[in-house]
Every structure is written in C-alpha cells, then in structure tokens.
Amino acid sequence: MNLSVYERRRLAVLAVVSTIIILLVVTLGGNSSPQETASPSSIAVTTTSTPLKNSDAVGPLAEDASKPVNLDGPLSLQPNGQSRIAYPGPGEMKRVNARASYRTFPSYNSTICYSAAAPLGAELTVINLNNGKSVKCDNVFAILLPAGVDIVLHSPLFLLIANLVDAPLPVTVSW
C-alpha cells in the first residue's frame, strides 16, 4: 500500500501528538488537579509497635498465647520421618489417558486398533473411563488419526466398551 506525501505527514503528526499526550498523562498520573509533592527530606518515618497482651486478646489467643493459632482445622502432626512416597507400579509407565474413536478396518482381524502413543505391534488394553469396560487390541499402523482423537478402535471392538454415539470416548490405554 503506497501512501501519499500528505497521508505520511498526517501519520507522523498523529504519532507525535499521541506521544506527547501519553507522556503528559503518565507524568501527571492521570490526575486533573495538581497536588503537592513531598520531598524526601520532609517525609518522616515513624514506626511503633505494641505487643499484644493476653488481656487484649480475643479468640484462641485469649486462652493461651503460647498455643499456635489453628482455625477450623485439625492440629498438625509433628514429622516423624515415616512418610510414604507413591512410586508408579511396573505397568504405570506404559499408560496414557486418551480419547478413542472407531473405524471399520476392511478385511482385517477384528482385534486391531491404532494409537500413535503406543509402540506398533504392542497389545493394548483400552479401558473406558465412563463405565470401566475394557478391551484388548493389537496396535497396527494407520495413516492418520482424526482431530481430537488419540486412538482408533475397530468398530466391533469399540462396541464392546461403548456405543458408537459416545465417540470420542475418554479412555486409558496401557500396553
């Protein structure tokens, strides 16, 4: 797009005026009335603190000031070094949450599926997270996955864990 000389001048003037207005707003702080500004030498810092006495306390502090204030909750336990740490089991590392759909693979074994997350040739266990039903299938290579789908099951396999209208289905895939 080619601008004429007059249009370029208008844009330049607009940019300069906008910059001046923004600088004025920033320096004045957006206040329309001028206010006094204090110099650093005129500012005095005074801090006072008075300790809370038990006679002034209300609530849990009124009974005993040495107790910790713990509102509406159980008292915390002292650490004893016996905490248990949860480690994944042997099959946990080979598990992913996915969304499953279906497709009829022509003249193939009825126990096939495709997931890019699992190794090819692996036997996959697909568990429907809505009802807990599961099915096993062999991961074979397919050209592509539909958008929003992580695993495609052969139609008869999908019918074992859900109705076709439930696709895409939240599942857990393990191998």
N, C-alpha and C. Protein backbone atom coordinates (compact mmCIF):
# COMPACT_ATOMS: atom_id res chain seq x y z
N MET A 1 0.84 -1.15 0.00
CA MET A 1 0.00 0.00 0.00
C MET A 1 0.91 1.23 0.00
N ASN A 2 0.70 2.09 -0.99
CA ASN A 2 1.51 3.30 -1.11
C ASN A 2 0.72 4.47 -0.55
N LEU A 3 1.33 5.20 0.38
CA LEU A 3 0.71 6.37 0.97
C LEU A 3 1.25 7.62 0.29
N SER A 4 0.38 8.60 0.11
CA SER A 4 0.83 9.86 -0.47
C SER A 4 1.63 10.64 0.57
N VAL A 5 2.27 11.70 0.11
CA VAL A 5 3.09 12.53 1.00
C VAL A 5 2.23 13.12 2.11
N TYR A 6 1.02 13.56 1.78
CA TYR A 6 0.13 14.17 2.77
C TYR A 6 -0.32 13.16 3.82
N GLU A 7 -0.60 11.93 3.39
CA GLU A 7 -1.02 10.89 4.34
C GLU A 7 0.13 10.53 5.28
N ARG A 8 1.36 10.47 4.75
CA ARG A 8 2.51 10.17 5.60
C ARG A 8 2.74 11.28 6.61
N ARG A 9 2.55 12.53 6.21
CA ARG A 9 2.72 13.65 7.13
C ARG A 9 1.65 13.61 8.22
N ARG A 10 0.42 13.29 7.84
CA ARG A 10 -0.65 13.19 8.83
C ARG A 10 -0.34 12.11 9.87
N LEU A 11 0.15 10.96 9.40
CA LEU A 11 0.51 9.88 10.32
C LEU A 11 1.64 10.30 11.25
N ALA A 12 2.62 11.03 10.73
CA ALA A 12 3.74 11.48 11.56
C ALA A 12 3.26 12.46 12.62
N VAL A 13 2.40 13.41 12.23
CA VAL A 13 1.88 14.38 13.19
C VAL A 13 1.04 13.67 14.25
N LEU A 14 0.22 12.69 13.82
CA LEU A 14 -0.60 11.93 14.76
C LEU A 14 0.27 11.17 15.76
N ALA A 15 1.37 10.60 15.30
CA ALA A 15 2.27 9.87 16.19
C ALA A 15 2.92 10.80 17.20
N VAL A 16 3.35 11.97 16.76
CA VAL A 16 4.00 12.92 17.67
C VAL A 16 3.00 13.43 18.71
N VAL A 17 1.78 13.79 18.28
CA VAL A 17 0.78 14.29 19.21
C VAL A 17 0.38 13.21 20.21
N SER A 18 0.21 11.98 19.74
CA SER A 18 -0.14 10.87 20.64
C SER A 18 0.94 10.64 21.68
N THR A 19 2.20 10.71 21.26
CA THR A 19 3.31 10.51 22.20
C THR A 19 3.32 11.61 23.26
N ILE A 20 3.08 12.85 22.86
CA ILE A 20 3.06 13.95 23.81
C ILE A 20 1.92 13.78 24.81
N ILE A 21 0.76 13.39 24.33
CA ILE A 21 -0.39 13.20 25.22
C ILE A 21 -0.12 12.06 26.20
N ILE A 22 0.44 10.97 25.75
CA ILE A 22 0.74 9.83 26.62
C ILE A 22 1.76 10.23 27.68
N LEU A 23 2.78 10.99 27.28
CA LEU A 23 3.79 11.43 28.26
C LEU A 23 3.17 12.36 29.30
N LEU A 24 2.27 13.25 28.88
CA LEU A 24 1.61 14.13 29.84
C LEU A 24 0.75 13.35 30.83
N VAL A 25 0.02 12.37 30.34
CA VAL A 25 -0.83 11.56 31.22
C VAL A 25 0.02 10.77 32.21
N VAL A 26 1.11 10.23 31.74
CA VAL A 26 1.98 9.44 32.63
C VAL A 26 2.62 10.33 33.68
N THR A 27 3.11 11.49 33.30
CA THR A 27 3.79 12.34 34.28
C THR A 27 2.83 12.97 35.27
N LEU A 28 1.62 13.29 34.84
CA LEU A 28 0.66 13.86 35.77
C LEU A 28 -0.09 12.80 36.55
N GLY A 29 0.09 11.57 36.21
CA GLY A 29 -0.55 10.47 36.94
C GLY A 29 -2.04 10.38 36.70
N GLY A 30 -2.52 10.98 35.67
CA GLY A 30 -3.93 10.89 35.36
C GLY A 30 -4.79 11.79 36.22
N ASN A 31 -4.23 12.58 37.13
CA ASN A 31 -5.00 13.50 37.98
C ASN A 31 -5.12 14.85 37.28
N SER A 32 -6.31 15.40 37.30
CA SER A 32 -6.51 16.69 36.64
C SER A 32 -6.14 17.84 37.55
N SER A 33 -6.13 17.63 38.86
CA SER A 33 -5.80 18.70 39.79
C SER A 33 -4.37 18.53 40.28
N PRO A 34 -3.61 19.61 40.32
CA PRO A 34 -2.23 19.49 40.80
C PRO A 34 -2.21 19.24 42.31
N GLN A 35 -1.29 18.42 42.74
CA GLN A 35 -1.16 18.12 44.16
C GLN A 35 0.26 18.41 44.61
N GLU A 36 0.39 18.60 45.91
CA GLU A 36 1.71 18.85 46.45
C GLU A 36 2.50 17.55 46.45
N THR A 37 3.75 17.67 46.12
CA THR A 37 4.62 16.50 46.18
C THR A 37 5.58 16.70 47.34
N ALA A 38 5.82 15.65 48.07
CA ALA A 38 6.68 15.74 49.24
C ALA A 38 8.10 15.43 48.83
N SER A 39 9.02 16.19 49.34
CA SER A 39 10.43 15.91 49.09
C SER A 39 10.89 14.84 50.08
N PRO A 40 11.93 14.12 49.74
CA PRO A 40 12.39 13.06 50.64
C PRO A 40 12.78 13.55 52.02
N SER A 41 13.22 14.81 52.12
CA SER A 41 13.64 15.31 53.43
C SER A 41 12.45 15.64 54.32
N SER A 42 11.27 15.86 53.72
CA SER A 42 10.10 16.22 54.53
C SER A 42 9.31 15.00 54.99
N ILE A 43 9.67 13.82 54.54
CA ILE A 43 8.96 12.61 54.93
C ILE A 43 9.61 12.05 56.19
N ALA A 44 8.84 11.86 57.23
CA ALA A 44 9.35 11.29 58.47
C ALA A 44 8.77 9.89 58.63
N VAL A 45 9.62 8.97 58.99
CA VAL A 45 9.18 7.60 59.18
C VAL A 45 9.08 7.33 60.67
N THR A 46 7.90 6.92 61.09
CA THR A 46 7.69 6.60 62.49
C THR A 46 7.03 5.24 62.58
N THR A 47 7.66 4.34 63.30
CA THR A 47 7.07 3.02 63.49
C THR A 47 6.94 2.77 64.97
N THR A 48 5.80 2.31 65.35
CA THR A 48 5.59 1.93 66.74
C THR A 48 4.89 0.59 66.75
N SER A 49 5.23 -0.22 67.70
CA SER A 49 4.54 -1.49 67.84
C SER A 49 4.30 -1.74 69.32
N THR A 50 3.16 -2.28 69.60
CA THR A 50 2.83 -2.62 70.98
C THR A 50 2.53 -4.10 71.02
N PRO A 51 3.17 -4.81 71.91
CA PRO A 51 2.91 -6.24 71.99
C PRO A 51 1.49 -6.52 72.45
N LEU A 52 0.93 -7.59 71.95
CA LEU A 52 -0.43 -7.99 72.30
C LEU A 52 -0.40 -8.67 73.66
N LYS A 53 -1.21 -8.20 74.53
CA LYS A 53 -1.29 -8.80 75.86
C LYS A 53 -2.47 -9.75 75.89
N ASN A 54 -2.40 -10.74 76.76
CA ASN A 54 -3.49 -11.70 76.87
C ASN A 54 -4.81 -11.05 77.28
N SER A 55 -4.73 -9.96 78.00
CA SER A 55 -5.97 -9.30 78.41
C SER A 55 -6.65 -8.63 77.22
N ASP A 56 -5.87 -8.29 76.17
CA ASP A 56 -6.44 -7.66 74.98
C ASP A 56 -6.86 -8.69 73.93
N ALA A 57 -6.47 -9.93 74.08
CA ALA A 57 -6.68 -10.93 73.04
C ALA A 57 -8.12 -11.43 73.02
N VAL A 58 -8.52 -11.85 71.85
CA VAL A 58 -9.83 -12.46 71.68
C VAL A 58 -9.62 -13.78 70.94
N GLY A 59 -10.53 -14.69 71.09
CA GLY A 59 -10.45 -15.97 70.38
C GLY A 59 -9.43 -16.89 71.00
N PRO A 60 -8.72 -17.67 70.15
CA PRO A 60 -7.77 -18.66 70.66
C PRO A 60 -6.63 -18.04 71.46
N LEU A 61 -6.26 -16.79 71.13
CA LEU A 61 -5.17 -16.15 71.87
C LEU A 61 -5.57 -15.82 73.30
N ALA A 62 -6.86 -15.69 73.57
CA ALA A 62 -7.30 -15.33 74.91
C ALA A 62 -7.03 -16.45 75.89
N GLU A 63 -7.13 -17.72 75.45
CA GLU A 63 -6.90 -18.83 76.38
C GLU A 63 -5.42 -19.00 76.69
N ASP A 64 -4.60 -19.07 75.64
CA ASP A 64 -3.18 -19.29 75.88
C ASP A 64 -2.41 -18.75 74.69
N ALA A 65 -1.60 -17.75 74.90
CA ALA A 65 -0.87 -17.11 73.81
C ALA A 65 0.25 -17.99 73.28
N SER A 66 0.64 -19.04 74.01
CA SER A 66 1.73 -19.88 73.56
C SER A 66 1.26 -20.94 72.55
N LYS A 67 -0.05 -21.17 72.46
CA LYS A 67 -0.57 -22.15 71.50
C LYS A 67 -0.61 -21.55 70.11
N PRO A 68 -0.37 -22.37 69.08
CA PRO A 68 -0.47 -21.85 67.71
C PRO A 68 -1.93 -21.60 67.35
N VAL A 69 -2.14 -20.61 66.51
CA VAL A 69 -3.49 -20.30 66.07
C VAL A 69 -3.80 -21.21 64.89
N ASN A 70 -4.76 -22.07 65.03
CA ASN A 70 -5.14 -23.02 64.00
C ASN A 70 -6.65 -22.98 63.91
N LEU A 71 -7.18 -22.27 62.94
CA LEU A 71 -8.61 -22.05 62.86
C LEU A 71 -9.28 -23.14 62.05
N ASP A 72 -10.33 -23.71 62.58
CA ASP A 72 -11.20 -24.66 61.88
C ASP A 72 -10.45 -25.77 61.16
N GLY A 73 -9.55 -26.40 61.81
CA GLY A 73 -8.83 -27.49 61.17
C GLY A 73 -8.17 -28.37 62.20
N PRO A 74 -7.74 -29.54 61.78
CA PRO A 74 -7.06 -30.43 62.72
C PRO A 74 -5.68 -29.89 63.07
N LEU A 75 -5.21 -30.27 64.21
CA LEU A 75 -3.86 -29.88 64.61
C LEU A 75 -2.87 -30.61 63.73
N SER A 76 -1.81 -29.93 63.38
CA SER A 76 -0.80 -30.55 62.54
C SER A 76 0.03 -31.51 63.37
N LEU A 77 0.48 -32.58 62.73
CA LEU A 77 1.30 -33.58 63.40
C LEU A 77 2.77 -33.24 63.21
N GLN A 78 3.55 -33.62 64.18
CA GLN A 78 4.98 -33.42 64.08
C GLN A 78 5.55 -34.45 63.10
N PRO A 79 6.47 -34.04 62.23
CA PRO A 79 7.05 -35.00 61.28
C PRO A 79 7.84 -36.08 62.02
N ASN A 80 7.65 -37.33 61.60
CA ASN A 80 8.35 -38.44 62.25
C ASN A 80 9.23 -39.21 61.28
N GLY A 81 9.33 -38.78 60.02
CA GLY A 81 10.19 -39.45 59.07
C GLY A 81 9.60 -40.71 58.49
N GLN A 82 8.35 -41.00 58.73
CA GLN A 82 7.73 -42.23 58.26
C GLN A 82 6.78 -42.00 57.08
N SER A 83 6.95 -40.91 56.33
CA SER A 83 6.07 -40.62 55.21
C SER A 83 6.24 -41.64 54.11
N ARG A 84 5.13 -41.97 53.48
CA ARG A 84 5.17 -42.93 52.38
C ARG A 84 5.19 -42.16 51.07
N ILE A 85 6.00 -42.60 50.15
CA ILE A 85 6.11 -41.97 48.84
C ILE A 85 5.50 -42.92 47.82
N ALA A 86 4.62 -42.41 46.98
CA ALA A 86 3.97 -43.23 45.97
C ALA A 86 4.84 -43.30 44.72
N TYR A 87 5.25 -44.51 44.37
CA TYR A 87 6.01 -44.74 43.16
C TYR A 87 5.11 -45.46 42.16
N PRO A 88 5.25 -45.17 40.87
CA PRO A 88 4.42 -45.87 39.90
C PRO A 88 4.77 -47.34 39.85
N GLY A 89 3.74 -48.16 39.66
CA GLY A 89 3.94 -49.60 39.55
C GLY A 89 4.58 -49.97 38.23
N PRO A 90 4.82 -51.26 38.01
CA PRO A 90 5.52 -51.66 36.79
C PRO A 90 4.76 -51.32 35.51
N GLY A 91 3.42 -51.33 35.54
CA GLY A 91 2.66 -51.03 34.34
C GLY A 91 2.26 -49.58 34.21
N GLU A 92 2.56 -48.77 35.22
CA GLU A 92 2.11 -47.39 35.23
C GLU A 92 2.83 -46.53 34.20
N MET A 93 4.05 -46.85 33.88
CA MET A 93 4.81 -46.02 32.96
C MET A 93 4.36 -46.21 31.52
N LYS A 94 3.62 -47.26 31.26
CA LYS A 94 3.17 -47.56 29.91
C LYS A 94 1.67 -47.32 29.80
N ARG A 95 1.21 -46.19 30.32
CA ARG A 95 -0.21 -45.90 30.34
C ARG A 95 -0.43 -44.44 29.99
N VAL A 96 -1.43 -44.17 29.15
CA VAL A 96 -1.78 -42.80 28.79
C VAL A 96 -3.30 -42.65 28.82
N ASN A 97 -3.75 -41.46 29.16
CA ASN A 97 -5.16 -41.13 29.03
C ASN A 97 -5.37 -40.60 27.62
N ALA A 98 -6.44 -41.03 26.98
CA ALA A 98 -6.65 -40.70 25.58
C ALA A 98 -8.13 -40.54 25.28
N ARG A 99 -8.42 -40.16 24.06
CA ARG A 99 -9.79 -40.08 23.55
C ARG A 99 -9.89 -41.06 22.39
N ALA A 100 -10.86 -41.96 22.47
CA ALA A 100 -10.99 -43.04 21.50
C ALA A 100 -12.14 -42.79 20.55
N SER A 101 -11.94 -43.24 19.32
CA SER A 101 -13.00 -43.24 18.32
C SER A 101 -12.95 -44.59 17.62
N TYR A 102 -13.74 -44.75 16.58
CA TYR A 102 -13.83 -46.04 15.91
C TYR A 102 -13.71 -45.85 14.41
N ARG A 103 -13.38 -46.97 13.75
CA ARG A 103 -13.32 -47.02 12.29
C ARG A 103 -13.41 -48.48 11.90
N THR A 104 -14.07 -48.76 10.81
CA THR A 104 -14.14 -50.13 10.31
C THR A 104 -12.95 -50.35 9.40
N PHE A 105 -12.04 -51.22 9.84
CA PHE A 105 -10.88 -51.56 9.03
C PHE A 105 -11.30 -52.68 8.08
N PRO A 106 -11.14 -52.52 6.79
CA PRO A 106 -11.63 -53.52 5.83
C PRO A 106 -10.80 -54.82 5.87
N SER A 107 -11.52 -55.93 5.91
CA SER A 107 -10.98 -57.29 5.85
C SER A 107 -9.74 -57.50 6.73
N TYR A 108 -9.81 -57.00 7.93
CA TYR A 108 -8.74 -57.22 8.89
C TYR A 108 -9.30 -57.98 10.08
N ASN A 109 -8.39 -58.45 10.89
CA ASN A 109 -8.74 -59.09 12.14
C ASN A 109 -9.55 -58.09 12.98
N SER A 110 -10.51 -58.58 13.72
CA SER A 110 -11.37 -57.67 14.47
C SER A 110 -10.72 -57.18 15.76
N THR A 111 -9.49 -57.54 16.05
CA THR A 111 -8.84 -57.10 17.28
C THR A 111 -7.71 -56.13 16.98
N ILE A 112 -7.92 -55.17 16.10
CA ILE A 112 -6.87 -54.21 15.80
C ILE A 112 -7.30 -52.80 16.17
N CYS A 113 -6.32 -51.97 16.42
CA CYS A 113 -6.54 -50.57 16.74
C CYS A 113 -5.28 -49.82 16.35
N TYR A 114 -5.33 -48.48 16.44
CA TYR A 114 -4.15 -47.69 16.14
C TYR A 114 -4.05 -46.53 17.12
N SER A 115 -2.87 -46.41 17.74
CA SER A 115 -2.55 -45.29 18.61
C SER A 115 -1.11 -44.88 18.35
N ALA A 116 -0.91 -43.59 18.12
CA ALA A 116 0.45 -43.10 17.90
C ALA A 116 1.25 -43.05 19.19
N ALA A 117 0.58 -43.09 20.35
CA ALA A 117 1.26 -43.00 21.63
C ALA A 117 1.90 -44.33 22.04
N ALA A 118 1.44 -45.43 21.48
CA ALA A 118 1.94 -46.75 21.86
C ALA A 118 2.82 -47.31 20.75
N PRO A 119 3.72 -48.22 21.10
CA PRO A 119 4.57 -48.82 20.07
C PRO A 119 3.76 -49.72 19.14
N LEU A 120 4.16 -49.74 17.87
CA LEU A 120 3.47 -50.58 16.90
C LEU A 120 3.68 -52.06 17.23
N GLY A 121 2.64 -52.85 17.07
CA GLY A 121 2.70 -54.28 17.34
C GLY A 121 2.42 -54.65 18.78
N ALA A 122 2.30 -53.69 19.65
CA ALA A 122 2.04 -53.97 21.07
C ALA A 122 0.57 -54.31 21.27
N GLU A 123 0.31 -55.15 22.27
CA GLU A 123 -1.07 -55.44 22.64
C GLU A 123 -1.52 -54.36 23.62
N LEU A 124 -2.55 -53.63 23.23
CA LEU A 124 -3.04 -52.52 24.03
C LEU A 124 -4.27 -52.95 24.81
N THR A 125 -4.40 -52.43 26.02
CA THR A 125 -5.61 -52.59 26.81
C THR A 125 -6.27 -51.22 26.89
N VAL A 126 -7.50 -51.14 26.39
CA VAL A 126 -8.23 -49.88 26.36
C VAL A 126 -9.36 -49.98 27.37
N ILE A 127 -9.37 -49.06 28.35
CA ILE A 127 -10.38 -49.07 29.40
C ILE A 127 -11.24 -47.81 29.26
N ASN A 128 -12.54 -48.01 29.15
CA ASN A 128 -13.49 -46.91 29.07
C ASN A 128 -13.58 -46.28 30.46
N LEU A 129 -13.26 -45.00 30.57
CA LEU A 129 -13.29 -44.33 31.87
C LEU A 129 -14.71 -44.02 32.35
N ASN A 130 -15.68 -44.08 31.46
CA ASN A 130 -17.06 -43.80 31.86
C ASN A 130 -17.73 -45.00 32.52
N ASN A 131 -17.43 -46.22 32.04
CA ASN A 131 -18.11 -47.39 32.60
C ASN A 131 -17.18 -48.49 33.07
N GLY A 132 -15.88 -48.37 32.87
CA GLY A 132 -14.93 -49.36 33.35
C GLY A 132 -14.74 -50.58 32.45
N LYS A 133 -15.46 -50.68 31.34
CA LYS A 133 -15.30 -51.82 30.43
C LYS A 133 -13.96 -51.71 29.72
N SER A 134 -13.37 -52.87 29.43
CA SER A 134 -12.06 -52.86 28.77
C SER A 134 -12.04 -53.84 27.61
N VAL A 135 -11.09 -53.63 26.73
CA VAL A 135 -10.91 -54.49 25.56
C VAL A 135 -9.42 -54.49 25.21
N LYS A 136 -8.95 -55.60 24.64
CA LYS A 136 -7.56 -55.72 24.22
C LYS A 136 -7.51 -55.70 22.70
N CYS A 137 -6.48 -55.03 22.16
CA CYS A 137 -6.33 -54.96 20.72
C CYS A 137 -4.85 -54.88 20.36
N ASP A 138 -4.54 -55.16 19.10
CA ASP A 138 -3.18 -55.09 18.59
C ASP A 138 -2.99 -53.77 17.88
N ASN A 139 -1.92 -53.04 18.23
CA ASN A 139 -1.66 -51.74 17.64
C ASN A 139 -1.02 -51.92 16.28
N VAL A 140 -1.72 -51.51 15.23
CA VAL A 140 -1.21 -51.58 13.86
C VAL A 140 -1.09 -50.16 13.33
N PHE A 141 -0.37 -49.98 12.25
CA PHE A 141 -0.16 -48.65 11.69
C PHE A 141 -1.36 -48.24 10.86
N ALA A 142 -1.84 -47.04 11.08
CA ALA A 142 -2.89 -46.45 10.25
C ALA A 142 -2.36 -45.11 9.74
N ILE A 143 -2.94 -44.63 8.69
CA ILE A 143 -2.42 -43.43 8.05
C ILE A 143 -2.50 -42.21 8.97
N LEU A 144 -3.69 -41.90 9.48
CA LEU A 144 -3.83 -40.72 10.30
C LEU A 144 -4.95 -40.90 11.32
N LEU A 145 -4.89 -40.04 12.31
CA LEU A 145 -5.92 -40.02 13.35
C LEU A 145 -6.80 -38.79 13.14
N PRO A 146 -8.10 -38.90 13.38
CA PRO A 146 -8.95 -37.72 13.29
C PRO A 146 -8.56 -36.69 14.36
N ALA A 147 -8.92 -35.44 14.14
CA ALA A 147 -8.61 -34.38 15.09
C ALA A 147 -9.27 -34.64 16.44
N GLY A 148 -8.53 -34.49 17.52
CA GLY A 148 -9.06 -34.68 18.86
C GLY A 148 -9.17 -36.13 19.30
N VAL A 149 -8.61 -37.05 18.54
CA VAL A 149 -8.68 -38.48 18.85
C VAL A 149 -7.26 -39.01 18.97
N ASP A 150 -7.00 -39.84 20.02
CA ASP A 150 -5.67 -40.39 20.24
C ASP A 150 -5.56 -41.86 19.87
N ILE A 151 -6.69 -42.55 19.81
CA ILE A 151 -6.69 -43.98 19.46
C ILE A 151 -7.94 -44.26 18.65
N VAL A 152 -7.77 -45.10 17.61
CA VAL A 152 -8.89 -45.52 16.77
C VAL A 152 -9.03 -47.03 16.93
N LEU A 153 -10.22 -47.46 17.35
CA LEU A 153 -10.50 -48.89 17.52
C LEU A 153 -11.31 -49.38 16.34
N HIS A 154 -11.15 -50.68 16.04
CA HIS A 154 -12.00 -51.32 15.04
C HIS A 154 -13.44 -51.28 15.58
N SER A 155 -14.41 -51.01 14.74
CA SER A 155 -15.80 -50.79 15.17
C SER A 155 -16.35 -51.87 16.09
N PRO A 156 -16.15 -53.17 15.78
CA PRO A 156 -16.67 -54.20 16.71
C PRO A 156 -16.03 -54.12 18.10
N LEU A 157 -14.76 -53.72 18.19
CA LEU A 157 -14.11 -53.57 19.49
C LEU A 157 -14.68 -52.38 20.25
N PHE A 158 -14.92 -51.28 19.54
CA PHE A 158 -15.48 -50.10 20.19
C PHE A 158 -16.85 -50.40 20.76
N LEU A 159 -17.64 -51.23 20.06
CA LEU A 159 -18.97 -51.60 20.53
C LEU A 159 -18.92 -52.42 21.82
N LEU A 160 -17.80 -53.07 22.10
CA LEU A 160 -17.68 -53.86 23.33
C LEU A 160 -17.53 -52.97 24.57
N ILE A 161 -17.04 -51.75 24.39
CA ILE A 161 -16.84 -50.87 25.55
C ILE A 161 -17.80 -49.68 25.59
N ALA A 162 -18.43 -49.35 24.45
CA ALA A 162 -19.34 -48.20 24.42
C ALA A 162 -20.18 -48.25 23.15
N ASN A 163 -21.18 -47.39 23.11
CA ASN A 163 -21.98 -47.22 21.90
C ASN A 163 -21.24 -46.31 20.94
N LEU A 164 -21.53 -46.44 19.66
CA LEU A 164 -20.84 -45.63 18.66
C LEU A 164 -21.12 -44.14 18.83
N VAL A 165 -22.28 -43.80 19.37
CA VAL A 165 -22.62 -42.39 19.54
C VAL A 165 -21.80 -41.73 20.66
N ASP A 166 -21.09 -42.52 21.47
CA ASP A 166 -20.29 -41.98 22.57
C ASP A 166 -18.92 -41.46 22.11
N ALA A 167 -18.56 -41.69 20.86
CA ALA A 167 -17.24 -41.27 20.37
C ALA A 167 -17.19 -39.77 20.22
N PRO A 168 -16.07 -39.13 20.53
CA PRO A 168 -14.84 -39.64 21.12
C PRO A 168 -15.02 -39.91 22.60
N LEU A 169 -14.43 -40.98 23.04
CA LEU A 169 -14.65 -41.54 24.36
C LEU A 169 -13.40 -41.39 25.21
N PRO A 170 -13.49 -40.95 26.47
CA PRO A 170 -12.31 -40.89 27.33
C PRO A 170 -11.90 -42.29 27.78
N VAL A 171 -10.66 -42.65 27.49
CA VAL A 171 -10.16 -43.99 27.80
C VAL A 171 -8.77 -43.89 28.40
N THR A 172 -8.34 -45.01 28.99
CA THR A 172 -6.96 -45.18 29.41
C THR A 172 -6.39 -46.29 28.54
N VAL A 173 -5.24 -46.03 27.94
CA VAL A 173 -4.58 -47.01 27.07
C VAL A 173 -3.29 -47.46 27.76
N SER A 174 -3.16 -48.75 27.94
CA SER A 174 -1.94 -49.29 28.54
C SER A 174 -1.43 -50.43 27.67
N TRP A 175 -0.12 -50.68 27.75
CA TRP A 175 0.49 -51.74 26.97
C TRP A 175 1.60 -52.40 27.74
